[in-house]
Structure formats: C-alpha cells, structure tokens
N, C-alpha and C. Protein backbone atom coordinates (compact mmCIF):
# COMPACT_ATOMS: atom_id res chain seq x y z
N UNK A 1 56.87 31.28 -40.50
CA UNK A 1 55.31 30.72 -39.95
C UNK A 1 55.24 30.16 -41.33
N UNK A 2 55.40 30.26 -42.92
CA UNK A 2 55.28 30.01 -43.87
C UNK A 2 56.48 28.64 -44.04
N UNK A 3 57.60 29.15 -43.53
CA UNK A 3 58.72 28.14 -43.58
C UNK A 3 58.42 26.87 -43.11
N UNK A 4 57.28 26.81 -41.96
CA UNK A 4 56.86 25.83 -40.86
C UNK A 4 56.03 24.83 -41.66
N UNK A 5 54.67 25.80 -42.44
CA UNK A 5 54.04 25.02 -43.05
C UNK A 5 54.85 24.34 -44.23
N UNK A 6 55.74 24.65 -44.78
CA UNK A 6 56.33 23.88 -46.04
C UNK A 6 56.86 22.89 -45.37
N UNK A 7 58.07 22.86 -44.14
CA UNK A 7 58.43 21.55 -43.66
C UNK A 7 57.45 20.53 -43.22
N UNK A 8 56.18 21.26 -42.56
CA UNK A 8 55.33 20.16 -42.09
C UNK A 8 54.78 19.67 -43.59
N UNK A 9 54.42 20.33 -44.60
CA UNK A 9 53.81 19.60 -46.31
C UNK A 9 54.72 18.67 -46.75
N UNK A 10 56.18 18.87 -46.25
CA UNK A 10 57.07 18.37 -46.79
C UNK A 10 57.14 16.82 -46.14
N UNK A 11 57.25 16.99 -44.61
CA UNK A 11 57.46 15.80 -43.93
C UNK A 11 55.97 14.79 -44.27
N UNK A 12 54.60 15.79 -44.39
CA UNK A 12 54.06 13.95 -44.28
C UNK A 12 53.60 13.92 -45.99
N UNK A 13 54.46 14.48 -46.77
CA UNK A 13 54.65 13.63 -48.00
C UNK A 13 55.66 12.75 -48.28
N UNK A 14 56.75 12.99 -46.99
CA UNK A 14 57.64 11.65 -47.46
C UNK A 14 57.33 10.99 -46.10
N UNK A 15 56.42 10.88 -45.30
CA UNK A 15 56.01 10.07 -44.54
C UNK A 15 54.93 8.94 -45.19
N UNK A 16 53.93 9.60 -45.71
CA UNK A 16 53.03 8.83 -47.15
C UNK A 16 53.91 8.52 -47.94
N UNK A 17 55.29 8.38 -48.70
CA UNK A 17 56.05 7.91 -49.57
C UNK A 17 56.68 6.68 -49.02
N UNK A 18 57.21 6.78 -47.67
CA UNK A 18 57.63 5.99 -46.62
C UNK A 18 56.82 4.90 -46.97
N UNK A 19 55.87 4.81 -46.13
CA UNK A 19 54.51 4.51 -46.07
C UNK A 19 54.20 3.41 -47.11
N UNK A 20 54.58 4.02 -48.09
CA UNK A 20 54.03 3.05 -49.31
C UNK A 20 55.06 2.67 -50.25
N UNK A 21 56.20 2.72 -49.77
CA UNK A 21 57.83 1.41 -50.09
C UNK A 21 57.22 0.86 -48.94
N UNK A 22 56.97 0.74 -47.62
CA UNK A 22 57.02 -0.14 -46.74
C UNK A 22 55.83 -1.48 -47.04
N UNK A 23 54.77 -0.83 -47.74
CA UNK A 23 53.39 -1.49 -48.23
C UNK A 23 54.14 -2.31 -49.25
N UNK A 24 54.95 -1.77 -50.50
CA UNK A 24 55.43 -2.63 -51.16
C UNK A 24 56.10 -3.10 -51.12
N UNK A 25 57.26 -3.80 -50.03
CA UNK A 25 57.70 -4.51 -49.62
C UNK A 25 57.20 -5.79 -49.03
N UNK A 26 56.34 -5.11 -48.07
CA UNK A 26 55.67 -6.00 -47.30
C UNK A 26 54.76 -7.08 -47.87
N UNK A 27 53.71 -6.57 -49.44
CA UNK A 27 53.91 -7.19 -50.19
C UNK A 27 54.60 -8.40 -50.92
N UNK A 28 55.89 -7.69 -51.74
CA UNK A 28 56.33 -8.76 -51.59
C UNK A 28 57.27 -9.70 -51.46
N UNK A 29 57.49 -9.24 -49.76
CA UNK A 29 57.89 -10.17 -48.82
C UNK A 29 56.47 -11.68 -49.08
N UNK A 30 55.44 -11.14 -48.29
CA UNK A 30 54.15 -12.23 -48.26
C UNK A 30 53.95 -12.74 -49.49
N UNK A 31 53.99 -12.32 -50.51
CA UNK A 31 54.09 -13.36 -51.98
C UNK A 31 55.06 -14.16 -51.68
N UNK A 32 56.60 -13.49 -51.39
CA UNK A 32 57.22 -14.77 -51.37
C UNK A 32 57.24 -16.06 -50.58
N UNK A 33 56.92 -15.49 -49.27
CA UNK A 33 56.71 -16.47 -48.03
C UNK A 33 55.41 -17.43 -48.83
N UNK A 34 54.23 -16.87 -49.41
CA UNK A 34 53.09 -17.72 -49.77
C UNK A 34 53.65 -19.00 -50.44
N UNK A 35 54.19 -18.13 -51.94
CA UNK A 35 55.30 -18.77 -52.66
C UNK A 35 56.22 -20.34 -52.42
N UNK A 36 56.66 -19.69 -51.09
CA UNK A 36 57.44 -20.90 -50.40
C UNK A 36 56.60 -22.06 -50.35
N UNK A 37 55.32 -21.69 -49.45
CA UNK A 37 54.36 -22.27 -48.88
C UNK A 37 53.44 -23.31 -50.04
N UNK A 38 53.57 -22.63 -51.07
CA UNK A 38 52.61 -23.25 -52.20
C UNK A 38 53.86 -24.54 -52.41
N UNK A 39 55.02 -24.11 -52.75
CA UNK A 39 56.00 -24.87 -53.24
C UNK A 39 56.27 -25.99 -52.48
N UNK A 40 55.98 -25.75 -51.16
CA UNK A 40 56.47 -27.39 -50.17
C UNK A 40 55.40 -27.88 -50.08
N UNK A 41 54.17 -27.46 -50.55
CA UNK A 41 52.60 -28.51 -50.37
C UNK A 41 52.90 -29.38 -51.89
N UNK A 42 53.26 -28.48 -53.32
CA UNK A 42 53.20 -29.18 -54.73
C UNK A 42 54.35 -29.86 -55.25
N UNK A 43 55.32 -29.33 -54.39
CA UNK A 43 56.53 -30.25 -54.84
C UNK A 43 57.27 -29.20 -56.42
N UNK A 44 56.48 -28.13 -56.47
CA UNK A 44 57.09 -27.26 -57.56
C UNK A 44 57.88 -26.18 -57.02
N UNK A 45 59.06 -26.65 -57.76
CA UNK A 45 60.12 -25.40 -57.49
C UNK A 45 60.06 -24.00 -57.64
N UNK A 46 59.98 -23.10 -56.75
CA UNK A 46 59.66 -21.57 -56.91
C UNK A 46 61.16 -20.66 -56.68
N UNK A 47 62.48 -21.73 -56.76
CA UNK A 47 63.80 -21.09 -56.35
C UNK A 47 64.41 -20.66 -57.51
N UNK A 48 65.66 -19.48 -57.41
CA UNK A 48 66.27 -19.32 -58.19
C UNK A 48 67.46 -19.78 -58.27
N UNK A 49 67.82 -20.56 -59.61
CA UNK A 49 69.23 -21.45 -60.12
C UNK A 49 70.18 -20.35 -59.74
N UNK A 50 70.98 -21.52 -59.31
CA UNK A 50 72.28 -21.46 -58.75
C UNK A 50 73.20 -21.14 -59.97
N UNK A 51 74.06 -20.11 -59.73
CA UNK A 51 75.02 -20.36 -61.00
C UNK A 51 75.95 -21.16 -60.79
N UNK A 52 76.13 -21.84 -59.39
CA UNK A 52 77.58 -22.76 -59.17
C UNK A 52 76.72 -24.40 -59.66
N UNK A 53 75.13 -24.58 -59.97
CA UNK A 53 74.69 -25.54 -59.94
C UNK A 53 74.96 -25.73 -61.74
N UNK A 54 75.07 -24.38 -62.74
CA UNK A 54 75.16 -24.20 -63.71
C UNK A 54 76.86 -24.83 -63.98
N UNK A 55 77.50 -24.08 -63.82
CA UNK A 55 78.84 -24.47 -64.09
C UNK A 55 79.06 -25.94 -63.30
N UNK A 56 78.37 -26.46 -62.62
CA UNK A 56 78.76 -28.56 -62.62
C UNK A 56 78.19 -29.16 -63.11
N UNK A 57 76.80 -28.45 -63.66
CA UNK A 57 75.99 -29.08 -65.04
C UNK A 57 76.66 -28.96 -66.49
N UNK A 58 77.29 -28.05 -66.93
CA UNK A 58 77.80 -27.96 -67.82
C UNK A 58 79.58 -27.45 -67.90
N UNK A 59 80.15 -27.66 -69.28
CA UNK A 59 81.56 -27.20 -69.31
C UNK A 59 81.38 -25.73 -69.88
N UNK A 60 82.00 -24.59 -69.13
CA UNK A 60 82.05 -23.08 -70.07
C UNK A 60 83.15 -22.89 -70.41
N UNK A 61 82.93 -22.65 -71.61
CA UNK A 61 84.07 -22.50 -72.63
C UNK A 61 84.85 -21.56 -72.78
N UNK A 62 84.17 -20.66 -72.82
CA UNK A 62 84.37 -19.05 -73.02
C UNK A 62 83.58 -18.10 -71.87
N UNK A 63 84.17 -17.16 -71.85
CA UNK A 63 83.16 -16.11 -71.12
C UNK A 63 84.14 -14.34 -72.05
N UNK A 64 82.66 -13.16 -72.21
CA UNK A 64 83.12 -12.13 -72.93
C UNK A 64 82.23 -11.68 -72.51
N UNK A 65 82.49 -9.90 -72.51
CA UNK A 65 81.86 -8.87 -72.22
C UNK A 65 80.70 -8.61 -73.43
N UNK A 66 79.13 -8.16 -73.48
CA UNK A 66 78.44 -8.39 -74.43
C UNK A 66 78.47 -6.33 -73.71
N UNK A 67 78.87 -5.50 -73.32
CA UNK A 67 78.65 -4.08 -72.46
C UNK A 67 77.10 -4.04 -72.10
N UNK A 68 76.70 -3.18 -72.14
CA UNK A 68 75.22 -2.69 -71.29
C UNK A 68 74.33 -2.75 -72.52
N UNK A 69 73.15 -3.29 -72.02
CA UNK A 69 72.08 -3.14 -72.85
C UNK A 69 70.62 -3.70 -71.70
N UNK A 70 69.61 -3.80 -72.52
CA UNK A 70 68.39 -3.64 -71.99
C UNK A 70 68.06 -5.37 -71.65
N UNK A 71 67.85 -5.50 -70.66
CA UNK A 71 67.39 -7.06 -70.58
C UNK A 71 65.99 -7.75 -69.86
N UNK A 72 65.43 -8.34 -70.50
CA UNK A 72 63.84 -8.40 -70.22
C UNK A 72 64.02 -9.16 -68.60
N UNK A 73 63.32 -8.80 -67.81
CA UNK A 73 63.62 -9.45 -66.59
C UNK A 73 62.91 -10.46 -66.35
N UNK A 74 61.87 -10.90 -67.34
CA UNK A 74 61.60 -12.59 -67.08
C UNK A 74 62.63 -13.39 -66.99
N UNK A 75 63.42 -12.94 -68.38
CA UNK A 75 64.49 -13.95 -69.10
C UNK A 75 65.73 -14.19 -67.39
N UNK A 76 65.56 -13.09 -66.39
CA UNK A 76 66.54 -13.05 -65.05
C UNK A 76 65.85 -14.67 -64.50
N UNK A 77 66.79 -15.73 -64.32
CA UNK A 77 66.05 -16.87 -63.69
C UNK A 77 67.37 -17.29 -62.50
N UNK A 78 68.52 -17.01 -62.37
CA UNK A 78 69.18 -17.33 -61.50
C UNK A 78 69.99 -16.09 -60.86
N UNK A 79 70.86 -16.98 -59.69
CA UNK A 79 71.87 -15.63 -59.32
C UNK A 79 73.16 -16.72 -59.04
N UNK A 80 74.56 -15.89 -58.70
CA UNK A 80 75.51 -15.96 -58.57
C UNK A 80 76.06 -16.33 -56.66
N UNK A 81 74.88 -15.72 -55.80
CA UNK A 81 75.67 -15.64 -54.96
C UNK A 81 74.52 -15.73 -54.23
N UNK A 82 73.41 -15.51 -54.49
CA UNK A 82 71.75 -14.80 -53.65
C UNK A 82 70.71 -16.16 -53.81
N UNK A 83 70.88 -16.94 -54.28
CA UNK A 83 69.47 -18.06 -54.95
C UNK A 83 69.03 -18.30 -53.78
N UNK A 84 69.14 -17.84 -52.08
CA UNK A 84 67.73 -18.54 -51.37
C UNK A 84 67.68 -16.97 -50.91
N UNK A 85 67.84 -16.08 -50.86
CA UNK A 85 67.21 -14.61 -50.82
C UNK A 85 66.32 -14.15 -51.37
N UNK A 86 65.52 -14.46 -52.88
CA UNK A 86 64.68 -14.35 -53.61
C UNK A 86 64.38 -15.35 -54.12
N UNK A 87 62.69 -15.34 -54.74
CA UNK A 87 62.23 -16.59 -55.25
C UNK A 87 62.40 -16.10 -56.45
N UNK A 88 62.01 -17.06 -57.37
CA UNK A 88 62.00 -16.96 -58.77
C UNK A 88 61.31 -15.71 -59.52
N UNK A 89 60.48 -15.31 -58.89
CA UNK A 89 59.94 -13.88 -59.05
C UNK A 89 60.72 -12.56 -58.62
N UNK A 90 61.93 -12.58 -58.15
CA UNK A 90 62.52 -12.01 -57.06
C UNK A 90 61.77 -11.14 -55.73
N UNK A 91 60.85 -11.99 -55.42
CA UNK A 91 60.14 -11.33 -53.81
C UNK A 91 60.95 -12.23 -53.23
N UNK A 92 61.49 -11.07 -52.41
CA UNK A 92 62.48 -11.56 -51.19
C UNK A 92 61.51 -12.12 -50.06
N UNK A 93 62.84 -12.73 -49.66
CA UNK A 93 62.63 -14.36 -48.57
C UNK A 93 62.81 -13.94 -47.55
N UNK A 94 64.33 -13.24 -47.15
CA UNK A 94 64.69 -13.23 -46.04
C UNK A 94 64.81 -11.79 -45.68
N UNK A 95 64.09 -11.20 -44.52
CA UNK A 95 63.92 -10.09 -43.79
C UNK A 95 64.96 -9.05 -43.68
N UNK A 96 66.32 -9.54 -43.77
CA UNK A 96 67.57 -8.90 -43.77
C UNK A 96 67.71 -8.04 -45.21
N UNK A 97 66.80 -8.21 -46.18
CA UNK A 97 67.14 -7.58 -47.10
C UNK A 97 66.02 -6.24 -47.00
N UNK A 98 65.51 -5.94 -45.92
CA UNK A 98 64.50 -5.12 -45.56
C UNK A 98 65.11 -3.62 -46.01
N UNK A 99 66.42 -3.22 -44.96
CA UNK A 99 66.67 -2.03 -45.38
C UNK A 99 67.45 -1.49 -46.45
N UNK A 100 67.72 -2.55 -47.11
CA UNK A 100 68.48 -1.96 -48.59
C UNK A 100 67.15 -2.26 -49.66
N UNK A 101 66.29 -2.71 -49.66
CA UNK A 101 65.46 -2.88 -50.07
C UNK A 101 64.32 -1.82 -50.21
N UNK A 102 64.19 -1.04 -49.13
CA UNK A 102 63.83 -0.08 -49.15
C UNK A 102 64.59 1.39 -49.46
N UNK A 103 65.80 1.23 -49.51
CA UNK A 103 66.52 2.10 -49.95
C UNK A 103 66.57 2.47 -51.74
N UNK A 104 66.50 1.14 -52.20
CA UNK A 104 66.60 1.15 -53.58
C UNK A 104 65.30 1.93 -54.08
N UNK A 105 63.44 1.15 -53.42
CA UNK A 105 62.68 1.96 -53.52
C UNK A 105 62.98 3.17 -53.40
N UNK A 106 62.99 3.89 -52.42
CA UNK A 106 63.18 4.88 -52.30
C UNK A 106 64.06 5.70 -53.53
N UNK A 107 64.71 5.29 -53.44
CA UNK A 107 65.85 5.78 -54.49
C UNK A 107 64.79 6.21 -56.10
N UNK A 108 64.48 5.15 -56.56
CA UNK A 108 63.86 4.76 -57.62
C UNK A 108 62.57 5.55 -57.53
N UNK A 109 61.57 5.78 -56.79
CA UNK A 109 60.62 7.04 -56.44
C UNK A 109 61.33 8.12 -56.91
N UNK A 110 61.96 8.35 -56.06
CA UNK A 110 62.61 10.26 -56.20
C UNK A 110 63.44 10.65 -57.40
N UNK A 111 62.74 9.77 -58.22
CA UNK A 111 63.75 9.39 -59.93
C UNK A 111 65.35 9.68 -60.02
N UNK A 112 65.70 8.67 -59.25
CA UNK A 112 67.23 9.11 -59.28
C UNK A 112 67.85 8.05 -60.32
N UNK A 113 68.54 8.05 -60.99
CA UNK A 113 69.06 6.69 -61.77
C UNK A 113 69.84 6.14 -61.08
N UNK A 114 70.06 4.75 -61.41
CA UNK A 114 70.87 3.65 -60.42
C UNK A 114 71.47 3.22 -61.59
N UNK A 115 72.54 3.20 -60.45
CA UNK A 115 73.49 2.35 -62.05
C UNK A 115 73.50 0.83 -62.42
N UNK A 116 73.48 0.49 -63.70
CA UNK A 116 72.66 -0.88 -64.30
C UNK A 116 73.00 -1.94 -63.29
N UNK A 117 72.53 -3.14 -63.26
CA UNK A 117 72.88 -4.18 -62.74
C UNK A 117 73.98 -5.01 -63.40
N UNK A 118 74.76 -6.06 -62.91
CA UNK A 118 75.76 -6.75 -63.45
C UNK A 118 74.85 -8.01 -63.92
N UNK A 119 74.93 -8.71 -64.92
CA UNK A 119 73.82 -10.03 -65.35
C UNK A 119 75.39 -11.19 -66.07
N UNK A 120 74.92 -12.54 -65.92
CA UNK A 120 76.14 -13.18 -66.46
C UNK A 120 74.67 -14.10 -67.82
N UNK A 121 75.24 -13.66 -68.83
CA UNK A 121 74.02 -14.77 -69.73
C UNK A 121 74.56 -15.81 -70.18
N UNK A 122 73.95 -17.03 -69.79
CA UNK A 122 74.04 -18.75 -70.18
C UNK A 122 72.91 -18.95 -71.08
N UNK A 123 73.04 -19.11 -72.62
CA UNK A 123 71.86 -19.11 -73.23
C UNK A 123 71.01 -17.95 -73.44
N UNK A 124 69.80 -18.52 -73.27
CA UNK A 124 69.02 -17.26 -73.23
C UNK A 124 68.42 -16.54 -71.88
N UNK A 125 69.09 -17.18 -70.91
CA UNK A 125 68.88 -16.88 -69.34
C UNK A 125 69.72 -15.97 -68.92
N UNK A 126 69.31 -15.24 -68.14
CA UNK A 126 70.60 -14.35 -67.19
C UNK A 126 70.57 -14.92 -65.20
N UNK A 127 71.78 -14.92 -64.72
CA UNK A 127 72.20 -14.88 -63.61
C UNK A 127 72.91 -13.37 -62.80
N UNK A 128 72.41 -13.79 -62.02
CA UNK A 128 72.09 -11.99 -61.25
C UNK A 128 73.92 -11.51 -60.34
N UNK A 129 74.97 -11.44 -60.70
CA UNK A 129 76.08 -11.16 -60.09
C UNK A 129 75.96 -9.89 -59.29
N UNK A 130 75.63 -9.14 -59.83
CA UNK A 130 74.96 -7.78 -58.44
C UNK A 130 73.96 -7.11 -58.92
N UNK A 131 73.09 -6.08 -58.25
CA UNK A 131 71.70 -6.14 -58.33
C UNK A 131 70.41 -6.33 -57.66
N UNK A 132 70.62 -7.49 -57.12
CA UNK A 132 69.64 -8.36 -56.54
C UNK A 132 68.16 -7.71 -55.91
N UNK A 133 68.56 -6.84 -55.23
CA UNK A 133 67.75 -5.63 -54.46
C UNK A 133 66.74 -4.60 -55.85
N UNK A 134 67.71 -4.38 -56.54
CA UNK A 134 67.55 -3.10 -58.03
C UNK A 134 66.20 -3.91 -58.98
N UNK A 135 66.19 -4.97 -59.30
CA UNK A 135 65.84 -6.09 -59.75
C UNK A 135 64.56 -6.53 -58.85
N UNK A 136 64.84 -6.46 -58.13
CA UNK A 136 63.25 -6.81 -57.05
C UNK A 136 62.20 -5.96 -57.06
N UNK A 137 62.93 -4.87 -56.57
CA UNK A 137 62.23 -3.15 -56.43
C UNK A 137 61.71 -3.38 -58.07
N UNK A 138 62.17 -3.00 -59.08
CA UNK A 138 62.23 -2.92 -59.90
C UNK A 138 60.51 -4.10 -61.08
N UNK A 139 61.02 -5.24 -60.29
CA UNK A 139 59.59 -5.94 -60.60
C UNK A 139 58.52 -5.56 -59.89
N UNK A 140 58.55 -5.06 -58.36
CA UNK A 140 57.29 -4.97 -57.81
C UNK A 140 57.08 -3.65 -57.91
N UNK A 141 57.34 -2.94 -58.89
CA UNK A 141 56.69 -1.37 -59.21
C UNK A 141 56.53 -2.02 -60.80
N UNK A 142 56.88 -3.18 -61.22
CA UNK A 142 55.84 -3.04 -62.89
C UNK A 142 56.67 -3.30 -63.74
N UNK A 143 57.81 -2.99 -63.59
CA UNK A 143 58.63 -2.68 -64.55
C UNK A 143 59.06 -3.92 -65.24
N UNK A 144 59.41 -4.13 -66.62
CA UNK A 144 59.31 -5.15 -67.14
C UNK A 144 61.20 -5.52 -68.13
N UNK A 145 61.43 -4.74 -67.91
CA UNK A 145 63.04 -4.57 -68.46
C UNK A 145 64.16 -3.64 -67.53
N UNK A 146 65.03 -3.87 -67.51
CA UNK A 146 66.22 -3.13 -66.21
C UNK A 146 67.35 -3.19 -67.44
N UNK A 147 68.40 -2.05 -67.17
CA UNK A 147 69.85 -1.86 -67.92
C UNK A 147 70.68 -3.09 -67.28
N UNK A 148 71.38 -3.43 -68.00
CA UNK A 148 72.56 -4.15 -67.36
C UNK A 148 73.90 -4.31 -68.18
N UNK A 149 75.03 -4.31 -67.50
CA UNK A 149 75.81 -4.75 -67.81
C UNK A 149 75.88 -6.59 -67.95
N UNK A 150 76.28 -7.05 -69.36
CA UNK A 150 76.18 -8.60 -69.59
C UNK A 150 77.79 -9.34 -69.78
N UNK A 151 78.01 -10.20 -69.20
CA UNK A 151 78.91 -11.00 -69.45
C UNK A 151 78.57 -12.43 -70.01
N UNK A 152 78.39 -12.76 -71.32
CA UNK A 152 78.25 -13.95 -71.69
C UNK A 152 79.21 -14.98 -71.43
N UNK A 153 78.31 -16.28 -70.82
CA UNK A 153 78.91 -17.78 -71.03
C UNK A 153 78.74 -18.06 -72.24
N UNK A 154 80.04 -19.14 -72.69
CA UNK A 154 79.41 -19.68 -73.65
C UNK A 154 79.68 -21.41 -73.36
N UNK A 155 78.60 -22.62 -73.37
CA UNK A 155 78.71 -23.82 -72.80
C UNK A 155 78.84 -24.12 -73.58
N UNK A 156 79.35 -25.79 -73.16
CA UNK A 156 79.30 -27.00 -74.07
C UNK A 156 77.90 -27.27 -74.72
N UNK A 157 77.31 -27.59 -74.12
CA UNK A 157 75.64 -27.94 -74.07
C UNK A 157 74.86 -27.32 -73.86
N UNK A 158 73.88 -27.60 -74.95
CA UNK A 158 72.91 -25.97 -74.73
C UNK A 158 72.31 -27.02 -72.91
N UNK A 159 71.75 -25.97 -72.23
CA UNK A 159 71.13 -26.60 -71.03
C UNK A 159 69.37 -26.73 -71.12
N UNK A 160 69.31 -27.72 -70.12
CA UNK A 160 67.44 -27.89 -69.97
C UNK A 160 67.01 -27.35 -68.88
N UNK A 161 66.27 -25.96 -69.02
CA UNK A 161 66.53 -25.46 -67.48
C UNK A 161 65.32 -25.84 -66.36
N UNK A 162 64.52 -26.56 -66.88
CA UNK A 162 63.56 -27.17 -66.03
C UNK A 162 64.31 -28.49 -65.51
N UNK A 163 64.51 -29.32 -66.31
CA UNK A 163 65.23 -30.68 -65.75
C UNK A 163 66.60 -29.96 -64.64
N UNK A 164 67.21 -29.14 -65.09
CA UNK A 164 68.42 -28.68 -64.17
C UNK A 164 67.92 -28.31 -62.61
N UNK A 165 66.15 -27.41 -62.87
CA UNK A 165 65.79 -26.68 -61.64
C UNK A 165 65.25 -28.05 -60.56
N UNK A 166 64.26 -28.65 -61.77
CA UNK A 166 64.13 -30.01 -60.85
C UNK A 166 65.33 -31.01 -60.13
N UNK A 167 66.21 -30.91 -60.98
CA UNK A 167 67.57 -32.21 -60.15
C UNK A 167 68.15 -31.23 -59.46
N UNK A 168 68.31 -29.88 -59.05
CA UNK A 168 68.87 -29.13 -58.20
C UNK A 168 68.14 -29.37 -57.07
N UNK A 169 66.60 -28.95 -57.43
CA UNK A 169 65.44 -29.07 -55.99
C UNK A 169 65.99 -30.25 -55.20
N UNK A 170 65.41 -31.09 -56.02
CA UNK A 170 65.65 -32.74 -55.59
C UNK A 170 66.76 -33.28 -54.96
N UNK A 171 67.70 -32.42 -55.23
CA UNK A 171 69.17 -32.73 -54.53
C UNK A 171 69.47 -31.97 -53.17
N UNK A 172 69.17 -30.64 -52.98
CA UNK A 172 68.68 -29.58 -52.17
C UNK A 172 67.92 -30.24 -51.52
N UNK A 173 66.37 -31.03 -51.47
CA UNK A 173 65.55 -31.54 -50.12
C UNK A 173 66.19 -32.69 -49.86
N UNK A 174 66.90 -33.53 -50.45
CA UNK A 174 67.67 -34.27 -49.63
C UNK A 174 69.03 -34.22 -48.93
N UNK A 175 69.52 -33.00 -49.46
CA UNK A 175 70.10 -32.47 -48.09
C UNK A 175 70.36 -32.13 -47.05
N UNK A 176 68.61 -31.06 -46.77
CA UNK A 176 68.42 -29.94 -46.04
C UNK A 176 67.32 -30.48 -45.33
N UNK A 177 66.14 -31.37 -46.31
CA UNK A 177 65.17 -31.65 -45.18
C UNK A 177 65.11 -33.11 -44.56
N UNK A 178 65.91 -33.99 -44.79
CA UNK A 178 66.28 -35.17 -44.33
C UNK A 178 64.94 -36.03 -45.04
N UNK A 179 64.91 -37.17 -44.06
CA UNK A 179 63.84 -38.08 -44.98
C UNK A 179 62.64 -37.40 -45.36
N UNK A 180 61.64 -38.36 -46.38
CA UNK A 180 60.78 -37.66 -47.11
C UNK A 180 59.60 -38.22 -46.23
N UNK A 181 58.32 -37.30 -46.03
CA UNK A 181 57.37 -37.70 -45.19
C UNK A 181 56.75 -38.77 -45.92
N UNK A 182 55.86 -39.74 -44.92
CA UNK A 182 55.42 -40.54 -45.62
C UNK A 182 54.08 -40.50 -46.12
N UNK A 183 53.36 -40.90 -47.10
CA UNK A 183 52.54 -40.50 -48.18
C UNK A 183 51.07 -40.33 -46.85
N UNK A 184 49.76 -39.70 -47.58
CA UNK A 184 49.19 -39.73 -46.16
C UNK A 184 48.30 -40.67 -46.20
N UNK A 185 48.25 -41.27 -47.33
CA UNK A 185 47.25 -42.65 -46.55
C UNK A 185 48.28 -43.59 -45.57
N UNK A 186 49.29 -43.58 -45.85
CA UNK A 186 50.17 -44.35 -45.22
C UNK A 186 50.27 -43.82 -43.22
N UNK A 187 50.23 -42.30 -43.26
CA UNK A 187 49.77 -41.48 -42.19
C UNK A 187 48.60 -41.97 -41.46
N UNK A 188 47.80 -41.85 -42.66
CA UNK A 188 46.46 -42.19 -41.68
C UNK A 188 46.01 -43.23 -41.04
N UNK A 189 46.58 -44.51 -42.30
CA UNK A 189 46.33 -45.96 -41.66
C UNK A 189 47.31 -45.67 -40.46
N UNK A 190 48.40 -45.30 -40.04
CA UNK A 190 48.99 -44.97 -38.67
C UNK A 190 48.10 -44.76 -37.67
N UNK A 191 47.32 -43.70 -38.18
CA UNK A 191 46.25 -43.50 -36.90
C UNK A 191 45.57 -44.26 -36.83
N UNK A 192 44.62 -44.73 -37.64
CA UNK A 192 43.26 -45.80 -37.65
C UNK A 192 43.65 -47.56 -37.16
N UNK A 193 44.89 -47.94 -37.41
CA UNK A 193 45.30 -48.56 -37.17
C UNK A 193 44.92 -49.19 -35.70
N UNK A 194 45.73 -48.52 -34.69
CA UNK A 194 45.81 -48.34 -33.23
C UNK A 194 44.42 -48.08 -32.91
N UNK A 195 43.72 -47.26 -33.31
CA UNK A 195 42.41 -46.99 -33.35
C UNK A 195 41.12 -48.81 -32.87
N UNK A 196 41.80 -49.12 -34.47
CA UNK A 196 40.99 -50.27 -34.58
C UNK A 196 40.94 -51.21 -33.53
N UNK A 197 42.48 -51.33 -33.61
CA UNK A 197 43.09 -52.12 -32.41
C UNK A 197 42.65 -52.61 -31.03
N UNK A 198 42.31 -50.88 -31.13
CA UNK A 198 41.56 -50.45 -29.49
C UNK A 198 39.87 -50.66 -29.05
N UNK A 199 39.32 -51.08 -30.36
CA UNK A 199 37.66 -51.08 -30.67
C UNK A 199 37.92 -52.62 -30.39
N UNK A 200 38.35 -53.10 -31.03
CA UNK A 200 38.04 -54.74 -31.11
C UNK A 200 38.70 -55.36 -29.68
N UNK A 201 39.44 -54.70 -29.04
CA UNK A 201 39.83 -55.41 -27.94
C UNK A 201 39.19 -55.02 -26.84
N UNK A 202 37.90 -53.92 -27.51
CA UNK A 202 36.80 -53.31 -26.01
C UNK A 202 35.99 -54.73 -26.49
N UNK A 203 35.48 -54.68 -27.63
CA UNK A 203 34.81 -55.69 -28.42
C UNK A 203 34.62 -57.24 -27.95
N UNK A 204 35.82 -57.41 -27.73
CA UNK A 204 36.21 -58.99 -26.96
C UNK A 204 35.63 -59.21 -25.76
N UNK A 205 36.54 -57.82 -25.00
CA UNK A 205 35.73 -57.88 -23.44
C UNK A 205 33.87 -57.71 -23.33
C-alpha cells in the first residue's frame, strides 16, 4: 500500500516537472516566432550569424584551442551549421527541435551535469559548433553563462558585426523572398485609383 502511494507521489511529481518543461519550451518557441514576425515588419534581423558568412567576409589566419572556459551567453551570436533553427536569443524556431529540447531541459532540472558546449571564438564573439539546445535551455532558465570548449579563430581584419548582420540579411532576403513588396502608399494608390475611375465614370453618366 505504501509502495503504491510512493509511486503515485513520484508520478505526480514527474508529471508536474514535465508540464513545466513543456511550458518552458512553448514560451521559448512563442518568443522566437513573435521575434520573427517583428523582424519581418521592422526589417531588423533577429537571426543568428552563420560562420560560413564570417569565413566569406574575412581571411582566417590561424585556428587554436583555448581549452575550457566559462562564456557569457550574450556573447554567443552565431552558429556553424544551425543558424536557421534558433534566433539571436537562442529561442527555437523549428518545432522539430522539440524532443531534443525537452530532453535537455529534463536533464538540467534533474541536476545532471552536461558536457561543455563547443564554441568557435572570432574576435569578441562566439559561434556554436555543438550545443545549441543546451544554450537555448540555459537561456530559457535565466542562466547567464555556460561552460564551453573554445577554438579561437584569428582573422585578418576586425569584423563589424552589425554591418555583417545587415549585409547577410539583405542577401538572404533577395535570395529567398523574391521581389520586395511595393511601398504602402503605392499599394494604397493601386486600390484607390480604380475606385476613383469608377466614381468618375458614374458621374459622367
């Protein structure tokens, strides 16, 4: 009898924890999707930088290991291979990250020690090679820093991150979105002019 009661209490606690993890994921996903909508309306990019874009923008002179260190999450601004899966705050953007995300959140909340993430440092910024979900969960839980193994890339010239972000966003928009929409005044005039012509025609009769 006591054994059954213990199992019931444990199951209830587990269900409660899983519900909390799901709510945490749902909130992060919603924030990412709202950010995408704001980005499309304002033109201000919220995407992670791609390491490929950095390689295209400058010459990498040397690569070296810096060992393991604690990295401030706000300094992580890009990804080596998953720039479309998370936004600049590491909110998930694709729902296929769901199960992996919940698994990481469950491990963290059980107190399990996870391996360090793998980062590439370029200047004063970091790009994720491995550990996107761990960073996303850490940020959702309010964590300010994370343990990481770091590889340092020495580049030929300093990178102006804001300019790189704007340039790559514009290139991506031209490549994937097709022609830009007409300005709002032009759009309105396209609606109003036929109506004006119709009104003039009625008056003439």
